[in-house]
Structures are given as structure tokens and as C-alpha cells.
Amino acid sequence: PDTNDLQMIAAQKYGVKPVEHRADAENSKTSLVYIGANPYYDIDPMKR
């Protein structure tokens, strides 16, 4: 039942600062890790 408001508390505590565009996201990848290759799950083609 965990609502977006509840999840937002953890997101702001453990996450990175939001960015405006995909180009800006490239500069934030130093704080993120790639999840596109894993034996336990698959990744959908992500448009958004």
C-alpha cells in the first residue's frame, strides 16, 4: 500500500538530485550504476 508520498521520503534521503534533461543525466551517472546487464532479470527498452 506504500504511496508515492511515503516513498518520496526515502527517495529524497537516499537518492540523487533530479535533473532536467537526458543530457544532464549523463553528468549524474557518476552517482548511478548501470543495471542493464544482470542474470536475474531483463530490462525493457526504456523510452521515458
All heavy atoms as atom14 arrays in JSON, in Angstrom:
{
  "sequence": "PDTNDLQMIAAQKYGVKPVEHRADAENSKTSLVYIGANPYYDIDPMKR",
  "atom14_mask": [
    [1, 1, 1, 1, 1, 1, 1, 0, 0, 0, 0, 0, 0, 0],
    [1, 1, 1, 1, 1, 1, 1, 1, 0, 0, 0, 0, 0, 0],
    [1, 1, 1, 1, 1, 1, 1, 0, 0, 0, 0, 0, 0, 0],
    [1, 1, 1, 1, 1, 1, 1, 1, 0, 0, 0, 0, 0, 0],
    [1, 1, 1, 1, 1, 1, 1, 1, 0, 0, 0, 0, 0, 0],
    [1, 1, 1, 1, 1, 1, 1, 1, 0, 0, 0, 0, 0, 0],
    [1, 1, 1, 1, 1, 1, 1, 1, 1, 0, 0, 0, 0, 0],
    [1, 1, 1, 1, 1, 1, 1, 1, 0, 0, 0, 0, 0, 0],
    [1, 1, 1, 1, 1, 1, 1, 1, 0, 0, 0, 0, 0, 0],
    [1, 1, 1, 1, 1, 0, 0, 0, 0, 0, 0, 0, 0, 0],
    [1, 1, 1, 1, 1, 0, 0, 0, 0, 0, 0, 0, 0, 0],
    [1, 1, 1, 1, 1, 1, 1, 1, 1, 0, 0, 0, 0, 0],
    [1, 1, 1, 1, 1, 1, 1, 1, 1, 0, 0, 0, 0, 0],
    [1, 1, 1, 1, 1, 1, 1, 1, 1, 1, 1, 1, 0, 0],
    [1, 1, 1, 1, 0, 0, 0, 0, 0, 0, 0, 0, 0, 0],
    [1, 1, 1, 1, 1, 1, 1, 0, 0, 0, 0, 0, 0, 0],
    [1, 1, 1, 1, 1, 1, 1, 1, 1, 0, 0, 0, 0, 0],
    [1, 1, 1, 1, 1, 1, 1, 0, 0, 0, 0, 0, 0, 0],
    [1, 1, 1, 1, 1, 1, 1, 0, 0, 0, 0, 0, 0, 0],
    [1, 1, 1, 1, 1, 1, 1, 1, 1, 0, 0, 0, 0, 0],
    [1, 1, 1, 1, 1, 1, 1, 1, 1, 1, 0, 0, 0, 0],
    [1, 1, 1, 1, 1, 1, 1, 1, 1, 1, 1, 0, 0, 0],
    [1, 1, 1, 1, 1, 0, 0, 0, 0, 0, 0, 0, 0, 0],
    [1, 1, 1, 1, 1, 1, 1, 1, 0, 0, 0, 0, 0, 0],
    [1, 1, 1, 1, 1, 0, 0, 0, 0, 0, 0, 0, 0, 0],
    [1, 1, 1, 1, 1, 1, 1, 1, 1, 0, 0, 0, 0, 0],
    [1, 1, 1, 1, 1, 1, 1, 1, 0, 0, 0, 0, 0, 0],
    [1, 1, 1, 1, 1, 1, 0, 0, 0, 0, 0, 0, 0, 0],
    [1, 1, 1, 1, 1, 1, 1, 1, 1, 0, 0, 0, 0, 0],
    [1, 1, 1, 1, 1, 1, 1, 0, 0, 0, 0, 0, 0, 0],
    [1, 1, 1, 1, 1, 1, 0, 0, 0, 0, 0, 0, 0, 0],
    [1, 1, 1, 1, 1, 1, 1, 1, 0, 0, 0, 0, 0, 0],
    [1, 1, 1, 1, 1, 1, 1, 0, 0, 0, 0, 0, 0, 0],
    [1, 1, 1, 1, 1, 1, 1, 1, 1, 1, 1, 1, 0, 0],
    [1, 1, 1, 1, 1, 1, 1, 1, 0, 0, 0, 0, 0, 0],
    [1, 1, 1, 1, 0, 0, 0, 0, 0, 0, 0, 0, 0, 0],
    [1, 1, 1, 1, 1, 0, 0, 0, 0, 0, 0, 0, 0, 0],
    [1, 1, 1, 1, 1, 1, 1, 1, 0, 0, 0, 0, 0, 0],
    [1, 1, 1, 1, 1, 1, 1, 0, 0, 0, 0, 0, 0, 0],
    [1, 1, 1, 1, 1, 1, 1, 1, 1, 1, 1, 1, 0, 0],
    [1, 1, 1, 1, 1, 1, 1, 1, 1, 1, 1, 1, 0, 0],
    [1, 1, 1, 1, 1, 1, 1, 1, 0, 0, 0, 0, 0, 0],
    [1, 1, 1, 1, 1, 1, 1, 1, 0, 0, 0, 0, 0, 0],
    [1, 1, 1, 1, 1, 1, 1, 1, 0, 0, 0, 0, 0, 0],
    [1, 1, 1, 1, 1, 1, 1, 0, 0, 0, 0, 0, 0, 0],
    [1, 1, 1, 1, 1, 1, 1, 1, 0, 0, 0, 0, 0, 0],
    [1, 1, 1, 1, 1, 1, 1, 1, 1, 0, 0, 0, 0, 0],
    [1, 1, 1, 1, 1, 1, 1, 1, 1, 1, 1, 0, 0, 0]
  ],
  "atom14_positions": [
    [[0.79, -1.23, 0.0], [0.0, 0.0, 0.0], [0.82, 1.29, 0.0], [0.25, 2.37, 0.14], [-0.76, -0.11, 1.32], [0.25, -0.76, 2.24], [1.08, -1.68, 1.38], [0.0, 0.0, 0.0], [0.0, 0.0, 0.0], [0.0, 0.0, 0.0], [0.0, 0.0, 0.0], [0.0, 0.0, 0.0], [0.0, 0.0, 0.0], [0.0, 0.0, 0.0]],
    [[2.16, 1.18, -0.15], [3.04, 2.34, 0.09], [2.84, 3.4, -0.98], [3.18, 3.19, -2.15], [4.5, 1.89, 0.14], [4.73, 0.86, 1.24], [4.08, 0.98, 2.3], [5.55, -0.06, 1.03], [0.0, 0.0, 0.0], [0.0, 0.0, 0.0], [0.0, 0.0, 0.0], [0.0, 0.0, 0.0], [0.0, 0.0, 0.0], [0.0, 0.0, 0.0]],
    [[2.34, 4.55, -0.58], [2.01, 5.63, -1.51], [3.27, 6.34, -2.0], [4.37, 6.17, -1.46], [1.09, 6.65, -0.82], [1.81, 7.24, 0.28], [-0.18, 5.99, -0.32], [0.0, 0.0, 0.0], [0.0, 0.0, 0.0], [0.0, 0.0, 0.0], [0.0, 0.0, 0.0], [0.0, 0.0, 0.0], [0.0, 0.0, 0.0], [0.0, 0.0, 0.0]],
    [[3.08, 7.17, -3.01], [4.19, 7.95, -3.56], [4.76, 8.91, -2.52], [5.98, 9.13, -2.45], [3.74, 8.73, -4.79], [4.87, 9.49, -5.45], [5.72, 8.9, -6.12], [4.9, 10.81, -5.27], [0.0, 0.0, 0.0], [0.0, 0.0, 0.0], [0.0, 0.0, 0.0], [0.0, 0.0, 0.0], [0.0, 0.0, 0.0], [0.0, 0.0, 0.0]],
    [[3.89, 9.49, -1.68], [4.36, 10.42, -0.65], [5.28, 9.71, 0.35], [6.3, 10.29, 0.79], [3.17, 11.03, 0.09], [2.36, 11.96, -0.8], [2.92, 12.44, -1.81], [1.17, 12.19, -0.5], [0.0, 0.0, 0.0], [0.0, 0.0, 0.0], [0.0, 0.0, 0.0], [0.0, 0.0, 0.0], [0.0, 0.0, 0.0], [0.0, 0.0, 0.0]],
    [[4.93, 8.5, 0.72], [5.77, 7.74, 1.64], [7.09, 7.36, 0.99], [8.17, 7.48, 1.59], [5.03, 6.48, 2.1], [5.8, 5.55, 3.05], [6.16, 6.27, 4.34], [4.99, 4.28, 3.34], [0.0, 0.0, 0.0], [0.0, 0.0, 0.0], [0.0, 0.0, 0.0], [0.0, 0.0, 0.0], [0.0, 0.0, 0.0], [0.0, 0.0, 0.0]],
    [[7.03, 6.92, -0.26], [8.24, 6.53, -0.96], [9.14, 7.74, -1.24], [10.36, 7.61, -1.31], [7.89, 5.81, -2.27], [7.14, 4.5, -2.06], [7.06, 3.64, -3.3], [7.97, 3.64, -4.12], [5.96, 2.91, -3.45], [0.0, 0.0, 0.0], [0.0, 0.0, 0.0], [0.0, 0.0, 0.0], [0.0, 0.0, 0.0], [0.0, 0.0, 0.0]],
    [[8.54, 8.9, -1.36], [9.31, 10.11, -1.63], [10.28, 10.42, -0.49], [11.38, 10.95, -0.71], [8.37, 11.29, -1.87], [9.06, 12.6, -2.17], [10.1, 12.52, -3.66], [8.84, 12.26, -4.91], [0.0, 0.0, 0.0], [0.0, 0.0, 0.0], [0.0, 0.0, 0.0], [0.0, 0.0, 0.0], [0.0, 0.0, 0.0], [0.0, 0.0, 0.0]],
    [[9.89, 10.11, 0.74], [10.76, 10.37, 1.89], [12.08, 9.59, 1.74], [13.17, 10.14, 1.95], [10.05, 9.97, 3.2], [8.8, 10.83, 3.4], [11.0, 10.1, 4.39], [7.96, 10.42, 4.6], [0.0, 0.0, 0.0], [0.0, 0.0, 0.0], [0.0, 0.0, 0.0], [0.0, 0.0, 0.0], [0.0, 0.0, 0.0], [0.0, 0.0, 0.0]],
    [[11.97, 8.32, 1.36], [13.18, 7.51, 1.16], [13.93, 7.94, -0.08], [15.17, 7.93, -0.11], [12.79, 6.03, 1.06], [0.0, 0.0, 0.0], [0.0, 0.0, 0.0], [0.0, 0.0, 0.0], [0.0, 0.0, 0.0], [0.0, 0.0, 0.0], [0.0, 0.0, 0.0], [0.0, 0.0, 0.0], [0.0, 0.0, 0.0], [0.0, 0.0, 0.0]],
    [[13.21, 8.34, -1.13], [13.86, 8.75, -2.37], [14.73, 9.98, -2.15], [15.87, 10.07, -2.63], [12.81, 9.03, -3.44], [0.0, 0.0, 0.0], [0.0, 0.0, 0.0], [0.0, 0.0, 0.0], [0.0, 0.0, 0.0], [0.0, 0.0, 0.0], [0.0, 0.0, 0.0], [0.0, 0.0, 0.0], [0.0, 0.0, 0.0], [0.0, 0.0, 0.0]],
    [[14.2, 10.96, -1.42], [14.97, 12.18, -1.16], [16.12, 11.92, -0.19], [17.13, 12.62, -0.23], [14.03, 13.26, -0.61], [13.02, 13.75, -1.63], [12.04, 14.75, -1.05], [11.85, 14.84, 0.16], [11.4, 15.53, -1.93], [0.0, 0.0, 0.0], [0.0, 0.0, 0.0], [0.0, 0.0, 0.0], [0.0, 0.0, 0.0], [0.0, 0.0, 0.0]],
    [[15.98, 10.93, 0.66], [17.02, 10.62, 1.62], [18.2, 9.89, 0.98], [19.36, 10.18, 1.27], [16.44, 9.76, 2.76], [17.45, 9.4, 3.83], [16.8, 8.59, 4.94], [17.81, 8.22, 6.01], [17.18, 7.42, 7.11], [0.0, 0.0, 0.0], [0.0, 0.0, 0.0], [0.0, 0.0, 0.0], [0.0, 0.0, 0.0], [0.0, 0.0, 0.0]],
    [[17.93, 8.95, 0.1], [18.98, 8.09, -0.45], [19.32, 8.39, -1.92], [20.26, 7.81, -2.46], [18.57, 6.62, -0.36], [18.36, 6.15, 1.07], [17.08, 5.81, 1.51], [19.42, 6.04, 1.95], [16.88, 5.37, 2.82], [19.22, 5.59, 3.25], [17.95, 5.27, 3.67], [17.74, 4.83, 4.97], [0.0, 0.0, 0.0], [0.0, 0.0, 0.0]],
    [[18.55, 9.28, -2.56], [18.72, 9.47, -3.99], [19.62, 10.63, -4.38], [20.21, 11.32, -3.54], [0.0, 0.0, 0.0], [0.0, 0.0, 0.0], [0.0, 0.0, 0.0], [0.0, 0.0, 0.0], [0.0, 0.0, 0.0], [0.0, 0.0, 0.0], [0.0, 0.0, 0.0], [0.0, 0.0, 0.0], [0.0, 0.0, 0.0], [0.0, 0.0, 0.0]],
    [[19.7, 10.83, -5.69], [20.46, 11.94, -6.26], [19.5, 13.1, -6.53], [18.27, 12.96, -6.43], [21.15, 11.51, -7.57], [22.17, 10.43, -7.3], [20.1, 11.04, -8.59], [0.0, 0.0, 0.0], [0.0, 0.0, 0.0], [0.0, 0.0, 0.0], [0.0, 0.0, 0.0], [0.0, 0.0, 0.0], [0.0, 0.0, 0.0], [0.0, 0.0, 0.0]],
    [[20.05, 14.24, -6.88], [19.21, 15.4, -7.22], [18.62, 15.19, -8.61], [19.31, 14.77, -9.53], [20.04, 16.67, -7.18], [20.51, 17.07, -5.78], [21.29, 18.37, -5.83], [21.72, 18.79, -4.44], [22.48, 20.07, -4.45], [0.0, 0.0, 0.0], [0.0, 0.0, 0.0], [0.0, 0.0, 0.0], [0.0, 0.0, 0.0], [0.0, 0.0, 0.0]],
    [[17.33, 15.5, -8.79], [16.71, 15.36, -10.11], [17.38, 16.28, -11.14], [17.87, 17.35, -10.81], [15.25, 15.79, -9.86], [15.04, 15.61, -8.39], [16.37, 15.91, -7.75], [0.0, 0.0, 0.0], [0.0, 0.0, 0.0], [0.0, 0.0, 0.0], [0.0, 0.0, 0.0], [0.0, 0.0, 0.0], [0.0, 0.0, 0.0], [0.0, 0.0, 0.0]],
    [[17.4, 15.82, -12.38], [17.97, 16.61, -13.47], [16.88, 16.9, -14.49], [15.85, 16.23, -14.55], [19.15, 15.88, -14.14], [20.28, 15.69, -13.15], [18.7, 14.53, -14.69], [0.0, 0.0, 0.0], [0.0, 0.0, 0.0], [0.0, 0.0, 0.0], [0.0, 0.0, 0.0], [0.0, 0.0, 0.0], [0.0, 0.0, 0.0], [0.0, 0.0, 0.0]],
    [[17.11, 17.91, -15.31], [16.1, 18.37, -16.25], [16.01, 17.49, -17.5], [14.94, 17.06, -17.91], [16.37, 19.82, -16.66], [16.17, 20.81, -15.53], [14.72, 20.89, -15.08], [13.82, 20.64, -15.92], [14.48, 21.21, -13.9], [0.0, 0.0, 0.0], [0.0, 0.0, 0.0], [0.0, 0.0, 0.0], [0.0, 0.0, 0.0], [0.0, 0.0, 0.0]],
    [[17.18, 17.24, -18.15], [17.18, 16.59, -19.45], [18.11, 15.37, -19.45], [18.93, 15.18, -18.55], [17.62, 17.57, -20.55], [16.84, 18.86, -20.53], [15.54, 18.96, -20.96], [17.21, 20.11, -20.12], [15.12, 20.2, -20.82], [16.11, 20.92, -20.31], [0.0, 0.0, 0.0], [0.0, 0.0, 0.0], [0.0, 0.0, 0.0], [0.0, 0.0, 0.0]],
    [[17.99, 14.56, -20.5], [18.84, 13.37, -20.64], [20.32, 13.77, -20.7], [21.18, 13.05, -20.19], [18.46, 12.59, -21.9], [17.13, 11.87, -21.78], [17.22, 10.69, -20.84], [15.95, 9.99, -20.74], [15.61, 8.97, -21.53], [16.44, 8.55, -22.48], [14.44, 8.38, -21.35], [0.0, 0.0, 0.0], [0.0, 0.0, 0.0], [0.0, 0.0, 0.0]],
    [[20.6, 14.9, -21.34], [21.99, 15.35, -21.43], [22.54, 15.63, -20.04], [23.71, 15.35, -19.75], [22.09, 16.59, -22.3], [0.0, 0.0, 0.0], [0.0, 0.0, 0.0], [0.0, 0.0, 0.0], [0.0, 0.0, 0.0], [0.0, 0.0, 0.0], [0.0, 0.0, 0.0], [0.0, 0.0, 0.0], [0.0, 0.0, 0.0], [0.0, 0.0, 0.0]],
    [[21.7, 16.18, -19.17], [22.13, 16.43, -17.79], [22.32, 15.12, -17.04], [23.17, 15.02, -16.14], [21.09, 17.3, -17.07], [20.9, 18.64, -17.74], [21.89, 19.16, -18.3], [19.77, 19.16, -17.73], [0.0, 0.0, 0.0], [0.0, 0.0, 0.0], [0.0, 0.0, 0.0], [0.0, 0.0, 0.0], [0.0, 0.0, 0.0], [0.0, 0.0, 0.0]],
    [[21.52, 14.12, -17.39], [21.63, 12.83, -16.72], [22.98, 12.17, -16.97], [23.48, 11.41, -16.13], [20.5, 11.9, -17.18], [0.0, 0.0, 0.0], [0.0, 0.0, 0.0], [0.0, 0.0, 0.0], [0.0, 0.0, 0.0], [0.0, 0.0, 0.0], [0.0, 0.0, 0.0], [0.0, 0.0, 0.0], [0.0, 0.0, 0.0], [0.0, 0.0, 0.0]],
    [[23.57, 12.45, -18.13], [24.88, 11.88, -18.42], [25.91, 12.32, -17.39], [26.81, 11.56, -17.02], [25.33, 12.31, -19.82], [24.5, 11.74, -20.95], [24.63, 10.24, -21.08], [25.71, 9.71, -20.71], [23.68, 9.59, -21.53], [0.0, 0.0, 0.0], [0.0, 0.0, 0.0], [0.0, 0.0, 0.0], [0.0, 0.0, 0.0], [0.0, 0.0, 0.0]],
    [[25.79, 13.55, -16.9], [26.73, 14.05, -15.9], [26.46, 13.5, -14.51], [27.31, 13.59, -13.62], [26.66, 15.58, -15.86], [27.08, 16.22, -17.17], [27.95, 15.69, -17.86], [26.44, 17.34, -17.52], [0.0, 0.0, 0.0], [0.0, 0.0, 0.0], [0.0, 0.0, 0.0], [0.0, 0.0, 0.0], [0.0, 0.0, 0.0], [0.0, 0.0, 0.0]],
    [[25.27, 12.93, -14.31], [24.91, 12.39, -12.99], [25.23, 10.9, -12.86], [25.03, 10.32, -11.8], [23.4, 12.59, -12.73], [23.08, 13.96, -12.72], [0.0, 0.0, 0.0], [0.0, 0.0, 0.0], [0.0, 0.0, 0.0], [0.0, 0.0, 0.0], [0.0, 0.0, 0.0], [0.0, 0.0, 0.0], [0.0, 0.0, 0.0], [0.0, 0.0, 0.0]],
    [[25.73, 10.3, -13.93], [25.97, 8.86, -13.91], [27.14, 8.46, -13.01], [27.34, 7.29, -12.73], [26.21, 8.35, -15.34], [24.94, 8.3, -16.17], [25.19, 7.74, -17.56], [23.91, 7.71, -18.37], [24.14, 7.18, -19.75], [0.0, 0.0, 0.0], [0.0, 0.0, 0.0], [0.0, 0.0, 0.0], [0.0, 0.0, 0.0], [0.0, 0.0, 0.0]],
    [[27.9, 9.45, -12.55], [28.96, 9.11, -11.59], [28.38, 8.68, -10.25], [29.03, 7.98, -9.48], [29.88, 10.33, -11.37], [29.08, 11.46, -10.96], [30.63, 10.68, -12.63], [0.0, 0.0, 0.0], [0.0, 0.0, 0.0], [0.0, 0.0, 0.0], [0.0, 0.0, 0.0], [0.0, 0.0, 0.0], [0.0, 0.0, 0.0], [0.0, 0.0, 0.0]],
    [[27.12, 9.07, -9.98], [26.44, 8.69, -8.74], [25.48, 7.52, -8.93], [24.84, 7.07, -7.98], [25.65, 9.89, -8.17], [26.49, 11.0, -7.97], [0.0, 0.0, 0.0], [0.0, 0.0, 0.0], [0.0, 0.0, 0.0], [0.0, 0.0, 0.0], [0.0, 0.0, 0.0], [0.0, 0.0, 0.0], [0.0, 0.0, 0.0], [0.0, 0.0, 0.0]],
    [[25.39, 7.03, -10.18], [24.48, 5.94, -10.51], [25.24, 4.75, -11.07], [26.37, 4.89, -11.55], [23.44, 6.42, -11.53], [22.62, 7.66, -11.16], [21.79, 8.12, -12.35], [21.71, 7.36, -9.97], [0.0, 0.0, 0.0], [0.0, 0.0, 0.0], [0.0, 0.0, 0.0], [0.0, 0.0, 0.0], [0.0, 0.0, 0.0], [0.0, 0.0, 0.0]],
    [[24.62, 3.6, -11.02], [25.24, 2.39, -11.57], [24.3, 1.81, -12.64], [23.08, 1.92, -12.55], [25.52, 1.33, -10.48], [26.55, 1.84, -9.51], [24.24, 0.96, -9.73], [0.0, 0.0, 0.0], [0.0, 0.0, 0.0], [0.0, 0.0, 0.0], [0.0, 0.0, 0.0], [0.0, 0.0, 0.0], [0.0, 0.0, 0.0], [0.0, 0.0, 0.0]],
    [[24.91, 1.17, -13.62], [24.17, 0.61, -14.75], [23.51, -0.71, -14.33], [24.14, -1.56, -13.69], [25.13, 0.38, -15.91], [24.49, -0.18, -17.17], [23.56, 0.57, -17.88], [24.83, -1.44, -17.64], [22.99, 0.07, -19.04], [24.28, -1.94, -18.8], [23.34, -1.18, -19.5], [22.78, -1.67, -20.65], [0.0, 0.0, 0.0], [0.0, 0.0, 0.0]],
    [[22.25, -0.9, -14.68], [21.52, -2.12, -14.31], [21.08, -2.91, -15.54], [20.26, -3.83, -15.43], [20.3, -1.79, -13.45], [19.33, -0.87, -14.23], [20.72, -1.12, -12.14], [17.97, -0.72, -13.59], [0.0, 0.0, 0.0], [0.0, 0.0, 0.0], [0.0, 0.0, 0.0], [0.0, 0.0, 0.0], [0.0, 0.0, 0.0], [0.0, 0.0, 0.0]],
    [[21.62, -2.57, -16.7], [21.14, -3.17, -17.93], [21.61, -4.57, -18.21], [21.16, -5.19, -19.18], [0.0, 0.0, 0.0], [0.0, 0.0, 0.0], [0.0, 0.0, 0.0], [0.0, 0.0, 0.0], [0.0, 0.0, 0.0], [0.0, 0.0, 0.0], [0.0, 0.0, 0.0], [0.0, 0.0, 0.0], [0.0, 0.0, 0.0], [0.0, 0.0, 0.0]],
    [[22.51, -5.12, -17.41], [23.02, -6.48, -17.64], [23.04, -7.24, -16.33], [23.84, -6.95, -15.45], [24.43, -6.42, -18.24], [0.0, 0.0, 0.0], [0.0, 0.0, 0.0], [0.0, 0.0, 0.0], [0.0, 0.0, 0.0], [0.0, 0.0, 0.0], [0.0, 0.0, 0.0], [0.0, 0.0, 0.0], [0.0, 0.0, 0.0], [0.0, 0.0, 0.0]],
    [[22.13, -8.21, -16.18], [22.03, -8.98, -14.95], [21.42, -10.35, -15.26], [20.49, -10.44, -16.07], [21.16, -8.23, -13.93], [21.27, -8.81, -12.54], [20.72, -9.86, -12.24], [22.01, -8.11, -11.68], [0.0, 0.0, 0.0], [0.0, 0.0, 0.0], [0.0, 0.0, 0.0], [0.0, 0.0, 0.0], [0.0, 0.0, 0.0], [0.0, 0.0, 0.0]],
    [[21.92, -11.43, -14.64], [21.39, -12.76, -14.96], [20.0, -13.03, -14.38], [19.34, -13.99, -14.78], [22.42, -13.7, -14.33], [23.03, -12.91, -13.21], [23.05, -11.5, -13.71], [0.0, 0.0, 0.0], [0.0, 0.0, 0.0], [0.0, 0.0, 0.0], [0.0, 0.0, 0.0], [0.0, 0.0, 0.0], [0.0, 0.0, 0.0], [0.0, 0.0, 0.0]],
    [[19.54, -12.2, -13.43], [18.28, -12.48, -12.73], [17.07, -11.78, -13.34], [15.93, -12.17, -13.06], [18.39, -12.08, -11.26], [19.49, -12.8, -10.51], [20.5, -12.08, -9.88], [19.52, -14.18, -10.44], [21.51, -12.72, -9.18], [20.53, -14.84, -9.74], [21.52, -14.11, -9.12], [22.52, -14.76, -8.44], [0.0, 0.0, 0.0], [0.0, 0.0, 0.0]],
    [[17.27, -10.75, -14.12], [16.13, -10.01, -14.66], [16.51, -9.41, -16.01], [17.68, -9.35, -16.39], [15.68, -8.9, -13.7], [16.77, -7.91, -13.34], [17.1, -6.84, -14.18], [17.48, -8.04, -12.15], [18.1, -5.94, -13.86], [18.48, -7.14, -11.81], [18.78, -6.09, -12.66], [19.78, -5.21, -12.33], [0.0, 0.0, 0.0], [0.0, 0.0, 0.0]],
    [[15.49, -8.96, -16.74], [15.69, -8.29, -18.02], [15.18, -6.86, -17.94], [14.37, -6.52, -17.07], [14.95, -9.04, -19.14], [15.62, -10.37, -19.47], [16.85, -10.48, -19.28], [14.91, -11.3, -19.9], [0.0, 0.0, 0.0], [0.0, 0.0, 0.0], [0.0, 0.0, 0.0], [0.0, 0.0, 0.0], [0.0, 0.0, 0.0], [0.0, 0.0, 0.0]],
    [[15.66, -6.03, -18.86], [15.28, -4.62, -18.91], [14.48, -4.36, -20.18], [14.91, -4.72, -21.28], [16.52, -3.71, -18.88], [17.35, -3.95, -17.6], [16.11, -2.25, -18.98], [16.7, -3.5, -16.34], [0.0, 0.0, 0.0], [0.0, 0.0, 0.0], [0.0, 0.0, 0.0], [0.0, 0.0, 0.0], [0.0, 0.0, 0.0], [0.0, 0.0, 0.0]],
    [[13.31, -3.75, -20.01], [12.54, -3.34, -21.18], [13.25, -2.21, -21.92], [13.99, -1.44, -21.29], [11.16, -2.83, -20.72], [10.04, -3.73, -21.2], [10.33, -4.76, -21.83], [8.87, -3.4, -20.92], [0.0, 0.0, 0.0], [0.0, 0.0, 0.0], [0.0, 0.0, 0.0], [0.0, 0.0, 0.0], [0.0, 0.0, 0.0], [0.0, 0.0, 0.0]],
    [[13.05, -2.08, -23.24], [13.55, -0.88, -23.93], [12.9, 0.35, -23.29], [11.68, 0.52, -23.34], [13.1, -1.09, -25.37], [12.91, -2.56, -25.5], [12.43, -3.04, -24.17], [0.0, 0.0, 0.0], [0.0, 0.0, 0.0], [0.0, 0.0, 0.0], [0.0, 0.0, 0.0], [0.0, 0.0, 0.0], [0.0, 0.0, 0.0], [0.0, 0.0, 0.0]],
    [[13.7, 1.2, -22.67], [13.16, 2.32, -21.9], [13.14, 3.59, -22.74], [14.19, 4.08, -23.16], [14.01, 2.52, -20.63], [13.93, 1.36, -19.66], [14.88, 1.69, -18.14], [14.53, 0.18, -17.23], [0.0, 0.0, 0.0], [0.0, 0.0, 0.0], [0.0, 0.0, 0.0], [0.0, 0.0, 0.0], [0.0, 0.0, 0.0], [0.0, 0.0, 0.0]],
    [[11.93, 4.12, -22.96], [11.78, 5.37, -23.7], [11.71, 6.58, -22.77], [12.13, 7.67, -23.16], [10.52, 5.31, -24.57], [10.55, 4.23, -25.64], [9.27, 4.24, -26.47], [9.31, 3.17, -27.55], [8.04, 3.17, -28.35], [0.0, 0.0, 0.0], [0.0, 0.0, 0.0], [0.0, 0.0, 0.0], [0.0, 0.0, 0.0], [0.0, 0.0, 0.0]],
    [[11.17, 6.39, -21.59], [11.0, 7.51, -20.68], [11.79, 7.33, -19.38], [11.42, 7.85, -18.34], [9.5, 7.7, -20.36], [8.69, 8.1, -21.56], [9.07, 9.49, -22.05], [8.46, 9.8, -23.36], [9.16, 10.14, -24.41], [10.47, 10.21, -24.34], [8.55, 10.42, -25.54], [0.0, 0.0, 0.0], [0.0, 0.0, 0.0], [0.0, 0.0, 0.0]]
  ]
}
